Amino acid sequence: MNIISASRRTDIPHYYSDWFRERRKAGFAEYRTVFGGGKNGRFRVSLKTEDVLGYLFWTKFAGPFHWELEALRNEGIPYIFQYTITGYGKEIQPGIPECSSAIDDFQKVAETLPEADAIQWRYDPILISPDYNCDWHRKNFEVIASSLQGSTNVVNVSFVEPYLKALSKAADWRSIRWRRPDPDRHKTALRKYPDLQTVSADEDILLADLAEIAGQHDIELRVCCNQEYEGRFPKATCCGLEMFMAYGEDMKRRVSSLATRPSRPGCRCLKTVDIGMDTTCSGGCFYCYITTSLDRARLNYDRHDPTSAMLRAF
């Protein structure tokens, strides 16, 4: 049995609820990864009820997806959420609803879950720029945290990572403070972008302030895959046993038997099967590591067939 991730690569709850419904009816989904492999470049996973341990949904807005969540509940299929709310403007994430709409929807999703542990808030990534400085983040974070008190117990954070795709799409990459780069992982980025600004002591203080604000609202701040903060803040686990505990002892036993499968250094997540595909999300967030361009993503969305086995076949 598998935990199905839907999806790290694209926002299925926001943009592809019809496709998800059709794949569940068909009993399987197919996908490709940017790394290739599989049979004829494709992978297939069963979505039959008896083969699915649970679903992990990733979204910035699940409004169109509540019908699917109701169907899962009626069938007794567990699901958990990583739900991102950052409050950035349309120049940063043009396809994402306003912050107030996302907060309202987050609360509605949380009400469908057995406990607040089953949904985690992502204030991720933290974008430091002239328009979004540390004081802006303190005020913005307070508004969101106070609104989500009681709906979640965890907020996961990280700074914008200097992925080549993110750097190439940034309107002014020089004005952004990026995560402290790893000399090996970010070698090409450092070579192509030698003037990269990175987070400093001011941003380290910001993290401590955000952790304090979160705590005031009964939310624990955790840092996702920024190993430089190890020992200073709890580590995030985006898919772990904790999130499934409320679904009962049998679920606890089954999830406990799963192996971990890190997606990048510092990741502690359990093994999942992700059914999303790259360059299919219309959110338009420049910092996305999996979308080549917004124009192409929108074209792929317009051309996708909800009855197709894959999100995109081209």
Foldseek 3Di string as FASTA:
>chain_A
DFAEEAALFAQCLVQPQLLVVLCLVVQKFKAAAPVADDDVRIDMDGNDPVRHLAYEGEHQANVNNVVVVVVCVVVLHHYAYEYEAAQDDCVQFVQHDGRVNSLVRLQVVLVSHLAQLRYEYENPEQKDFPVCHLVNRLVRLLVSLLSCQRSHAEYEYHHQAQAVQLCVLDPDQLRIAGADDDCPVCVVVCVVPVNGHHDDVVVVVSVVSSQVSNVVSNHGYAYEQSCVCPPPGHHDASAALSNCPSSDDVSSVVRVPFDCDAPDPPYGYTDHHYQAAALQYQRQRSSDNRHNGNVSNVVLSVPADSNDSHSGDD
